[in-house]
Amino acid sequence: VGTWSSAGLRLALFAMSVPAPSLSGSEGDLLFLLDSSGSVSNYEFSRVKEFIWDLIRPFTFGPNDVQTSIIHISTTPTMEFPFDRYLSSGTVQQAIRDTQQLMGDTNTGKALSYAKEKLFSNEAGARPDVPKVMVWVTDGFSTDDISEPMQLLKDMGVTVFIVSTGRGNYLELSAAASQPPEKHLHFVDVDDLPIITKELQDAISDAVQANRLRAVDITSSSFRLMWPQVLSQETGYYTLEYSPVDDPSRKRTKQVPGAHTTLVLSDLSPETTYQVALIPESNVHYIPPQTTKVTTLAGKMCTTLNALPEEISPAQVLISKSKPHSFHVSWAPTPDSVTGYQILYGPLPGNSVELLEVDGSRNGTVVGNLVPNTTYLVTVTAVYKSGQEKSLSAKACTQEGEFCSAKLPVEILHTPGDKL
């Protein structure tokens, strides 16, 4: 049976007396890569178990929520229990408490390769279409190479957090962790692990909710899809498939450039549940697809035949007055039936997106707080009184400095009349 230190026992008793805020609504496979080798003392191992025990308390466990597992780093990697064995907080915490140190060598690279297999294995209880998150707790020492297996994990969409309790090499660990390192890498003494618990809980929660295909801006006839960046323009493209759940024969397919992380689907039926699949077509290695279901809102059905004739996309999106930290976005005036505009913009490549809303009487705005010498994807969406939405996109570049050309090339991604 596992043991707690006296400090850890006090912490556990305090934790049980103060309910942690629930992080329900998350869904993902959460893997702890635990250094169980002889380089870790029994005391350090017990403190790390206390830390993991406290870290997972707010999460809801179950087949449609978070599932978790532990893999030991030792001479031979070992899985303590499969993802789908313990489906309640109480049973997970007891399993962590019962976990025993294995000793042996610190073969982290071998354990990472093993983790890659288990994170996508049905036999290990992993699920195919949920976010994957790995928390590696280490004393900073490894007897084999970690760079290649760790990069493969990240390329397959796994979010990697690293907690170093020893004198780990910062450059090596910052390259191993997901980016940016200030969010995914922590150096902390084993006795001070509780200091980072809340911050890491929030980061894990964000990862299992954001690191997946999801829908936003849902209306009766459209929704916007967003997903994490797992490809680039050079490494492949996406195949997007969507159809009503009740009528798969109406399936539509689109190809999306690898640098994109968002797309608006329109001309949809109201009050209809759609099955959506995003399939990365990588020319480097296999990346599993992501799926989701989205239900449109109730409302009058708008089709090409009965849509109002003035409900068209903004005729053209123009980028001008580019500066290192801003540029001006403008579009042709549209009818009085427009209630407003939504300007969605974000850097390429990247999965961070900002939303700017503009009154329907205007036909231009300044987008600010940008990064110099960066390419942005800008999407202008006209929102009509009928609920219909039409969008048009362009690429824009911020200036590098005073020597950057004032004329900015604009690439129109969607021409008027195109249906996304």
Protein backbone atom coordinates (compact mmCIF):
# COMPACT_ATOMS: atom_id res chain seq x y z
CA VAL A 1 0.00 0.00 0.00
CA GLY A 2 1.34 3.46 -0.84
CA THR A 3 2.36 5.84 1.92
CA TRP A 4 1.90 9.56 2.40
CA SER A 5 4.40 11.93 4.02
CA SER A 6 3.16 13.78 7.10
CA ALA A 7 3.12 17.04 5.15
CA GLY A 8 1.26 15.35 2.33
CA LEU A 9 -1.25 13.84 4.75
CA ARG A 10 -1.99 17.28 6.15
CA LEU A 11 -2.38 18.59 2.63
CA ALA A 12 -4.70 15.70 1.70
CA LEU A 13 -6.85 16.21 4.79
CA PHE A 14 -7.08 19.91 4.06
CA ALA A 15 -7.95 19.19 0.42
CA MET A 16 -10.76 16.85 1.44
CA SER A 17 -12.19 19.52 3.73
CA VAL A 18 -12.16 22.21 1.02
CA PRO A 19 -14.05 21.09 -2.09
CA ALA A 20 -12.15 21.86 -5.27
CA PRO A 21 -14.05 23.77 -7.96
CA SER A 22 -15.37 21.25 -10.46
CA LEU A 23 -13.83 21.12 -13.94
CA SER A 24 -16.74 19.25 -15.50
CA GLY A 25 -17.40 19.53 -19.21
CA SER A 26 -13.88 18.39 -20.07
CA GLU A 27 -13.28 15.30 -22.18
CA GLY A 28 -9.89 13.77 -22.87
CA ASP A 29 -7.33 11.07 -22.14
CA LEU A 30 -4.90 12.33 -19.47
CA LEU A 31 -1.64 10.38 -19.12
CA PHE A 32 0.86 10.82 -16.29
CA LEU A 33 4.40 9.80 -17.20
CA LEU A 34 5.88 9.10 -13.78
CA ASP A 35 9.61 8.71 -13.06
CA SER A 36 9.63 5.45 -11.12
CA SER A 37 13.35 4.74 -11.52
CA GLY A 38 16.10 4.41 -8.94
CA SER A 39 17.17 8.03 -9.47
CA VAL A 40 14.09 9.12 -7.48
CA SER A 41 13.99 8.65 -3.71
CA ASN A 42 11.03 6.98 -2.02
CA TYR A 43 10.19 10.32 -0.38
CA GLU A 44 10.20 12.16 -3.71
CA PHE A 45 8.04 9.47 -5.30
CA SER A 46 5.45 9.74 -2.52
CA ARG A 47 5.35 13.55 -2.84
CA VAL A 48 4.79 13.29 -6.59
CA LYS A 49 1.89 10.87 -5.98
CA GLU A 50 0.34 13.39 -3.58
CA PHE A 51 0.73 16.06 -6.24
CA ILE A 52 -1.00 13.95 -8.91
CA TRP A 53 -3.73 12.99 -6.42
CA ASP A 54 -4.45 16.66 -5.77
CA LEU A 55 -4.10 17.66 -9.42
CA ILE A 56 -6.90 15.40 -10.67
CA ARG A 57 -9.42 16.13 -7.89
CA PRO A 58 -11.55 18.72 -9.77
CA PHE A 59 -11.99 16.63 -12.91
CA THR A 60 -15.04 14.50 -13.65
CA PHE A 61 -14.11 10.97 -14.71
CA GLY A 62 -16.12 8.72 -17.01
CA PRO A 63 -16.44 7.37 -20.56
CA ASN A 64 -17.71 10.78 -21.75
CA ASP A 65 -15.47 12.85 -19.50
CA VAL A 66 -11.81 12.61 -18.50
CA GLN A 67 -10.02 9.26 -18.34
CA THR A 68 -6.54 8.87 -16.89
CA SER A 69 -3.64 6.44 -16.65
CA ILE A 70 -0.07 6.24 -15.35
CA ILE A 71 3.01 4.95 -17.19
CA HIS A 72 6.14 4.23 -15.15
CA ILE A 73 9.56 5.31 -16.41
CA SER A 74 11.92 2.49 -15.50
CA THR A 75 14.16 -0.06 -17.23
CA THR A 76 11.04 -1.27 -19.05
CA PRO A 77 8.01 1.05 -19.26
CA THR A 78 4.91 -0.23 -17.48
CA MET A 79 1.30 0.95 -17.51
CA GLU A 80 -0.12 1.04 -13.99
CA PHE A 81 -3.74 0.78 -15.15
CA PRO A 82 -5.63 1.35 -18.46
CA PHE A 83 -7.50 4.57 -19.13
CA ASP A 84 -10.96 3.05 -18.79
CA ARG A 85 -10.48 1.09 -15.55
CA TYR A 86 -11.27 3.78 -12.96
CA LEU A 87 -14.17 6.06 -13.84
CA SER A 88 -14.72 8.03 -10.64
CA SER A 89 -12.54 10.44 -8.69
CA GLY A 90 -12.50 8.19 -5.63
CA THR A 91 -11.31 5.07 -7.46
CA VAL A 92 -8.70 7.04 -9.46
CA GLN A 93 -7.29 8.62 -6.31
CA GLN A 94 -7.10 5.26 -4.54
CA ALA A 95 -5.31 3.75 -7.56
CA ILE A 96 -2.76 6.58 -7.46
CA ARG A 97 -2.25 6.06 -3.75
CA ASP A 98 -1.66 2.32 -4.30
CA THR A 99 0.93 2.92 -7.03
CA GLN A 100 4.34 1.47 -6.15
CA GLN A 101 7.76 2.64 -7.30
CA LEU A 102 9.50 0.20 -9.67
CA MET A 103 13.13 1.42 -9.43
CA GLY A 104 15.46 0.48 -12.34
CA ASP A 105 16.95 2.71 -15.07
CA THR A 106 15.53 6.04 -16.27
CA ASN A 107 14.71 5.03 -19.86
CA THR A 108 12.45 8.00 -20.63
CA GLY A 109 12.76 7.74 -24.42
CA LYS A 110 11.57 4.14 -24.32
CA ALA A 111 8.68 5.17 -22.04
CA LEU A 112 7.67 7.96 -24.46
CA SER A 113 7.52 5.50 -27.38
CA TYR A 114 5.41 3.21 -25.21
CA ALA A 115 3.16 6.15 -24.27
CA LYS A 116 2.61 6.96 -27.95
CA GLU A 117 1.26 3.45 -28.48
CA LYS A 118 -0.98 3.46 -25.42
CA LEU A 119 -2.46 6.95 -25.94
CA PHE A 120 -4.04 5.75 -29.18
CA SER A 121 -4.74 2.12 -28.24
CA ASN A 122 -8.22 0.71 -27.74
CA GLU A 123 -6.69 -2.11 -25.67
CA ALA A 124 -5.36 0.49 -23.24
CA GLY A 125 -8.82 2.06 -22.94
CA ALA A 126 -7.87 5.16 -24.95
CA ARG A 127 -10.50 6.82 -27.12
CA PRO A 128 -9.87 7.74 -30.77
CA ASP A 129 -11.53 11.14 -31.02
CA VAL A 130 -10.72 12.97 -27.78
CA PRO A 131 -7.88 15.35 -26.85
CA LYS A 132 -4.69 13.73 -25.57
CA VAL A 133 -2.74 15.32 -22.71
CA MET A 134 0.45 14.04 -21.10
CA VAL A 135 1.99 15.29 -17.85
CA TRP A 136 5.61 14.17 -17.44
CA VAL A 137 6.96 14.50 -13.91
CA THR A 138 10.75 14.14 -13.90
CA ASP A 139 13.85 14.77 -11.81
CA GLY A 140 15.47 15.96 -15.04
CA PHE A 141 17.57 12.87 -15.73
CA SER A 142 17.25 10.37 -18.59
CA THR A 143 19.57 7.60 -19.81
CA ASP A 144 18.28 7.63 -23.41
CA ASP A 145 17.25 10.17 -26.05
CA ILE A 146 13.83 11.79 -25.67
CA SER A 147 13.76 14.28 -28.57
CA GLU A 148 12.47 12.04 -31.38
CA PRO A 149 9.72 10.13 -29.50
CA MET A 150 8.57 13.35 -27.82
CA GLN A 151 8.32 15.15 -31.16
CA LEU A 152 6.26 12.27 -32.57
CA LEU A 153 3.83 12.58 -29.65
CA LYS A 154 3.40 16.31 -30.23
CA ASP A 155 3.05 15.83 -33.98
CA MET A 156 0.15 13.47 -33.27
CA GLY A 157 -1.64 16.24 -31.38
CA VAL A 158 -0.66 15.37 -27.79
CA THR A 159 -0.33 18.37 -25.47
CA VAL A 160 2.79 17.85 -23.30
CA PHE A 161 3.24 19.39 -19.85
CA ILE A 162 6.55 18.87 -18.03
CA VAL A 163 7.13 19.26 -14.29
CA SER A 164 10.81 19.10 -13.35
CA THR A 165 11.62 18.57 -9.68
CA GLY A 166 15.39 18.34 -10.21
CA ARG A 167 18.17 20.04 -12.13
CA GLY A 168 16.86 19.39 -15.62
CA ASN A 169 18.35 20.99 -18.71
CA TYR A 170 16.11 23.98 -19.44
CA LEU A 171 16.81 24.09 -23.18
CA GLU A 172 16.15 20.37 -23.59
CA LEU A 173 12.95 20.40 -21.53
CA SER A 174 11.60 23.62 -23.08
CA ALA A 175 12.05 22.04 -26.51
CA ALA A 176 10.31 18.86 -25.30
CA ALA A 177 7.26 20.60 -23.80
CA SER A 178 4.40 21.95 -25.88
CA GLN A 179 4.72 25.60 -26.79
CA PRO A 180 4.91 28.11 -25.28
CA PRO A 181 7.19 26.72 -22.53
CA GLU A 182 6.08 29.31 -19.98
CA LYS A 183 2.66 27.63 -19.99
CA HIS A 184 3.75 23.99 -20.32
CA LEU A 185 7.03 23.72 -18.37
CA HIS A 186 7.45 24.07 -14.58
CA PHE A 187 10.62 23.87 -12.48
CA VAL A 188 9.72 23.38 -8.82
CA ASP A 189 11.15 21.68 -5.75
CA VAL A 190 9.37 18.45 -4.85
CA ASP A 191 8.17 19.98 -1.54
CA ASP A 192 6.69 23.00 -3.37
CA LEU A 193 4.60 21.12 -5.93
CA PRO A 194 1.28 22.38 -4.44
CA ILE A 195 2.30 25.88 -5.56
CA ILE A 196 1.70 25.00 -9.24
CA THR A 197 -1.34 22.73 -8.77
CA LYS A 198 -4.06 25.29 -9.58
CA GLU A 199 -2.19 26.74 -12.56
CA LEU A 200 -1.59 23.28 -14.02
CA GLN A 201 -5.20 22.21 -13.40
CA ASP A 202 -6.42 25.19 -15.40
CA ALA A 203 -3.92 24.55 -18.20
CA ILE A 204 -4.92 20.88 -18.46
CA SER A 205 -8.60 21.86 -18.50
CA ASP A 206 -7.92 24.35 -21.31
CA ALA A 207 -6.01 21.68 -23.24
CA VAL A 208 -8.75 19.04 -23.11
CA GLN A 209 -11.38 21.58 -24.12
CA ALA A 210 -9.47 23.59 -26.74
CA ASN A 211 -7.19 20.95 -28.26
CA ARG A 212 -9.94 19.42 -30.37
CA LEU A 213 -12.37 20.06 -33.19
CA ARG A 214 -15.21 22.23 -31.91
CA ALA A 215 -17.97 24.52 -33.18
CA VAL A 216 -18.61 28.15 -32.23
CA ASP A 217 -20.89 30.94 -33.53
CA ILE A 218 -23.73 28.44 -34.12
CA THR A 219 -26.79 29.83 -35.92
CA SER A 220 -29.82 28.24 -37.59
CA SER A 221 -27.94 27.91 -40.88
CA SER A 222 -24.22 27.96 -40.09
CA PHE A 223 -21.44 27.40 -37.57
CA ARG A 224 -17.73 28.02 -37.39
CA LEU A 225 -15.37 25.10 -36.87
CA MET A 226 -12.08 25.56 -35.02
CA TRP A 227 -9.31 23.04 -34.40
CA PRO A 228 -5.70 22.89 -33.13
CA GLN A 229 -2.93 23.28 -35.65
CA VAL A 230 -1.44 19.87 -36.45
CA LEU A 231 -0.43 20.58 -40.08
CA SER A 232 1.23 23.37 -42.02
CA GLN A 233 0.99 24.48 -45.64
CA GLU A 234 4.03 22.30 -46.36
CA THR A 235 3.06 19.13 -44.47
CA GLY A 236 -0.40 18.45 -45.88
CA TYR A 237 -4.07 19.45 -45.99
CA TYR A 238 -7.37 18.55 -44.28
CA THR A 239 -10.34 16.67 -45.65
CA LEU A 240 -13.52 17.90 -43.98
CA GLU A 241 -16.63 15.72 -44.14
CA TYR A 242 -20.04 16.69 -42.75
CA SER A 243 -23.59 15.41 -43.07
CA PRO A 244 -26.86 15.33 -41.11
CA VAL A 245 -26.77 12.50 -38.60
CA ASP A 246 -30.17 11.31 -39.81
CA ASP A 247 -29.21 11.42 -43.50
CA PRO A 248 -25.57 10.39 -44.14
CA SER A 249 -26.27 10.30 -47.89
CA ARG A 250 -26.16 14.12 -47.86
CA LYS A 251 -22.50 14.06 -46.92
CA ARG A 252 -20.38 16.93 -48.26
CA THR A 253 -16.61 17.00 -48.50
CA LYS A 254 -14.19 19.95 -48.55
CA GLN A 255 -10.43 20.29 -48.75
CA VAL A 256 -8.87 22.82 -46.38
CA PRO A 257 -5.26 24.10 -46.57
CA GLY A 258 -2.95 22.74 -43.87
CA ALA A 259 -2.23 26.21 -42.46
CA HIS A 260 -5.89 26.83 -41.62
CA THR A 261 -7.41 26.24 -38.18
CA THR A 262 -10.96 27.54 -38.76
CA LEU A 263 -13.75 27.33 -41.36
CA VAL A 264 -17.37 28.47 -41.57
CA LEU A 265 -19.96 25.96 -42.80
CA SER A 266 -23.12 27.67 -44.10
CA ASP A 267 -26.34 26.87 -45.98
CA LEU A 268 -27.24 24.32 -43.31
CA SER A 269 -30.69 23.17 -42.18
CA PRO A 270 -32.10 24.53 -38.91
CA GLU A 271 -32.54 22.29 -35.87
CA THR A 272 -30.37 19.62 -37.47
CA THR A 273 -27.52 17.64 -35.90
CA TYR A 274 -24.48 17.35 -38.15
CA GLN A 275 -21.69 14.78 -37.88
CA VAL A 276 -18.39 16.47 -38.71
CA ALA A 277 -15.04 14.76 -39.34
CA LEU A 278 -11.72 16.57 -39.83
CA ILE A 279 -9.14 14.25 -41.39
CA PRO A 280 -5.52 15.49 -41.48
CA GLU A 281 -3.91 14.33 -44.74
CA SER A 282 -0.27 14.53 -43.62
CA ASN A 283 2.61 13.76 -45.96
CA VAL A 284 4.88 13.13 -42.95
CA HIS A 285 3.10 10.59 -40.73
CA TYR A 286 -0.36 9.45 -39.66
CA ILE A 287 -2.41 11.91 -37.59
CA PRO A 288 -5.74 10.61 -36.24
CA PRO A 289 -8.96 12.35 -37.38
CA GLN A 290 -11.14 14.42 -35.07
CA THR A 291 -14.93 14.31 -35.01
CA THR A 292 -17.72 16.27 -33.39
CA LYS A 293 -21.50 16.66 -33.56
CA VAL A 294 -23.12 20.09 -33.93
CA THR A 295 -26.81 20.97 -33.78
CA THR A 296 -27.96 24.12 -35.57
CA LEU A 297 -30.43 26.47 -33.90
CA ALA A 298 -34.12 26.79 -34.70
CA GLY A 299 -35.11 29.35 -37.30
CA LYS A 300 -36.41 29.94 -40.78
CA MET A 301 -34.55 27.85 -43.33
CA CYS A 302 -32.62 29.97 -45.81
CA THR A 303 -31.47 28.41 -49.08
CA THR A 304 -30.06 29.78 -52.31
CA LEU A 305 -33.58 29.90 -53.76
CA ASN A 306 -35.42 31.70 -50.97
CA ALA A 307 -32.61 33.85 -49.52
CA LEU A 308 -33.12 37.58 -49.92
CA PRO A 309 -31.28 38.84 -52.99
CA GLU A 310 -29.38 41.47 -50.99
CA GLU A 311 -27.97 38.86 -48.61
CA ILE A 312 -24.58 38.50 -50.26
CA SER A 313 -21.06 38.28 -48.96
CA PRO A 314 -19.12 41.50 -48.49
CA ALA A 315 -18.15 42.24 -52.11
CA GLN A 316 -14.44 42.52 -51.36
CA VAL A 317 -12.16 42.61 -48.33
CA LEU A 318 -9.31 45.10 -48.65
CA ILE A 319 -6.30 45.52 -46.39
CA SER A 320 -4.60 48.93 -46.23
CA LYS A 321 -2.55 51.23 -43.97
CA SER A 322 -0.46 48.31 -42.77
CA LYS A 323 1.83 49.06 -39.84
CA PRO A 324 3.95 46.81 -37.56
CA HIS A 325 1.11 46.50 -35.02
CA SER A 326 -2.06 47.20 -37.01
CA PHE A 327 -3.78 47.35 -40.38
CA HIS A 328 -7.08 48.68 -41.72
CA VAL A 329 -9.76 46.27 -42.95
CA SER A 330 -12.49 47.58 -45.25
CA TRP A 331 -15.28 46.13 -47.36
CA ALA A 332 -17.85 47.36 -49.88
CA PRO A 333 -21.02 48.88 -48.34
CA THR A 334 -23.92 46.44 -47.99
CA PRO A 335 -27.70 46.99 -47.62
CA ASP A 336 -29.60 48.15 -44.54
CA SER A 337 -30.51 44.53 -43.82
CA VAL A 338 -27.03 44.04 -42.28
CA THR A 339 -27.16 44.35 -38.48
CA GLY A 340 -23.42 44.12 -37.95
CA TYR A 341 -20.09 42.64 -38.95
CA GLN A 342 -17.84 40.15 -37.21
CA ILE A 343 -14.12 40.39 -37.95
CA LEU A 344 -12.27 37.21 -36.98
CA TYR A 345 -8.47 37.38 -37.23
CA GLY A 346 -5.51 35.31 -36.16
CA PRO A 347 -1.86 34.63 -37.13
CA LEU A 348 -0.85 32.02 -39.69
CA PRO A 349 0.15 29.43 -38.73
CA GLY A 350 -1.57 29.31 -35.35
CA ASN A 351 -4.79 28.48 -33.52
CA SER A 352 -5.32 31.74 -31.61
CA VAL A 353 -8.25 33.77 -32.96
CA GLU A 354 -9.60 37.18 -31.92
CA LEU A 355 -13.12 38.49 -32.61
CA LEU A 356 -13.95 42.13 -33.33
CA GLU A 357 -17.59 43.22 -33.76
CA VAL A 358 -18.52 46.29 -35.84
CA ASP A 359 -21.84 48.09 -36.31
CA GLY A 360 -23.69 47.41 -39.57
CA SER A 361 -23.47 51.06 -40.64
CA ARG A 362 -19.68 50.90 -40.99
CA ASN A 363 -17.63 49.41 -43.80
CA GLY A 364 -14.18 49.40 -42.24
CA THR A 365 -12.20 49.23 -39.01
CA VAL A 366 -8.64 49.19 -37.66
CA VAL A 367 -7.35 45.88 -36.29
CA GLY A 368 -4.67 46.55 -33.66
CA ASN A 369 -2.38 44.93 -31.07
CA LEU A 370 -0.78 42.78 -33.76
CA VAL A 371 2.67 41.20 -34.05
CA PRO A 372 5.10 42.78 -36.57
CA ASN A 373 6.11 40.91 -39.74
CA THR A 374 3.29 38.37 -39.33
CA THR A 375 0.71 36.98 -41.75
CA TYR A 376 -2.89 37.07 -40.52
CA LEU A 377 -6.06 35.43 -41.82
CA VAL A 378 -8.92 37.95 -41.67
CA THR A 379 -12.55 36.85 -42.10
CA VAL A 380 -15.33 39.45 -42.37
CA THR A 381 -18.83 38.09 -41.74
CA ALA A 382 -21.95 40.12 -42.54
CA VAL A 383 -24.78 39.30 -40.11
CA TYR A 384 -28.28 39.94 -41.54
CA LYS A 385 -31.58 40.62 -39.78
CA SER A 386 -32.90 37.31 -41.08
CA GLY A 387 -30.14 35.42 -39.24
CA GLN A 388 -28.27 34.62 -42.45
CA GLU A 389 -24.48 35.11 -42.39
CA LYS A 390 -22.10 35.52 -45.32
CA SER A 391 -18.32 35.60 -45.06
CA LEU A 392 -15.26 36.56 -47.07
CA SER A 393 -11.61 36.13 -46.11
CA ALA A 394 -8.25 37.62 -47.02
CA LYS A 395 -4.66 37.35 -45.90
CA ALA A 396 -2.84 40.37 -44.51
CA CYS A 397 0.74 41.02 -43.37
CA THR A 398 1.89 43.46 -40.73
CA GLN A 399 4.99 45.45 -41.58
CA GLU A 400 8.42 44.46 -40.34
CA GLY A 401 9.49 48.10 -39.98
CA GLU A 402 10.02 51.31 -41.88
CA PHE A 403 11.60 49.50 -44.84
CA CYS A 404 8.58 47.26 -45.41
CA SER A 405 6.64 48.03 -48.59
CA ALA A 406 3.46 50.04 -48.07
CA LYS A 407 1.67 48.00 -50.74
CA LEU A 408 0.35 44.81 -49.26
CA PRO A 409 -0.54 41.76 -51.35
CA VAL A 410 -4.00 40.45 -50.57
CA GLU A 411 -5.09 36.91 -51.36
CA ILE A 412 -8.85 36.46 -51.60
CA LEU A 413 -9.60 33.01 -50.24
CA HIS A 414 -13.35 33.03 -50.87
CA THR A 415 -14.88 34.99 -53.74
CA PRO A 416 -18.44 36.39 -53.65
CA GLY A 417 -20.96 33.65 -54.19
CA ASP A 418 -18.74 30.89 -52.82
CA LYS A 419 -20.46 28.73 -50.23
CA LEU A 420 -18.27 27.53 -47.40
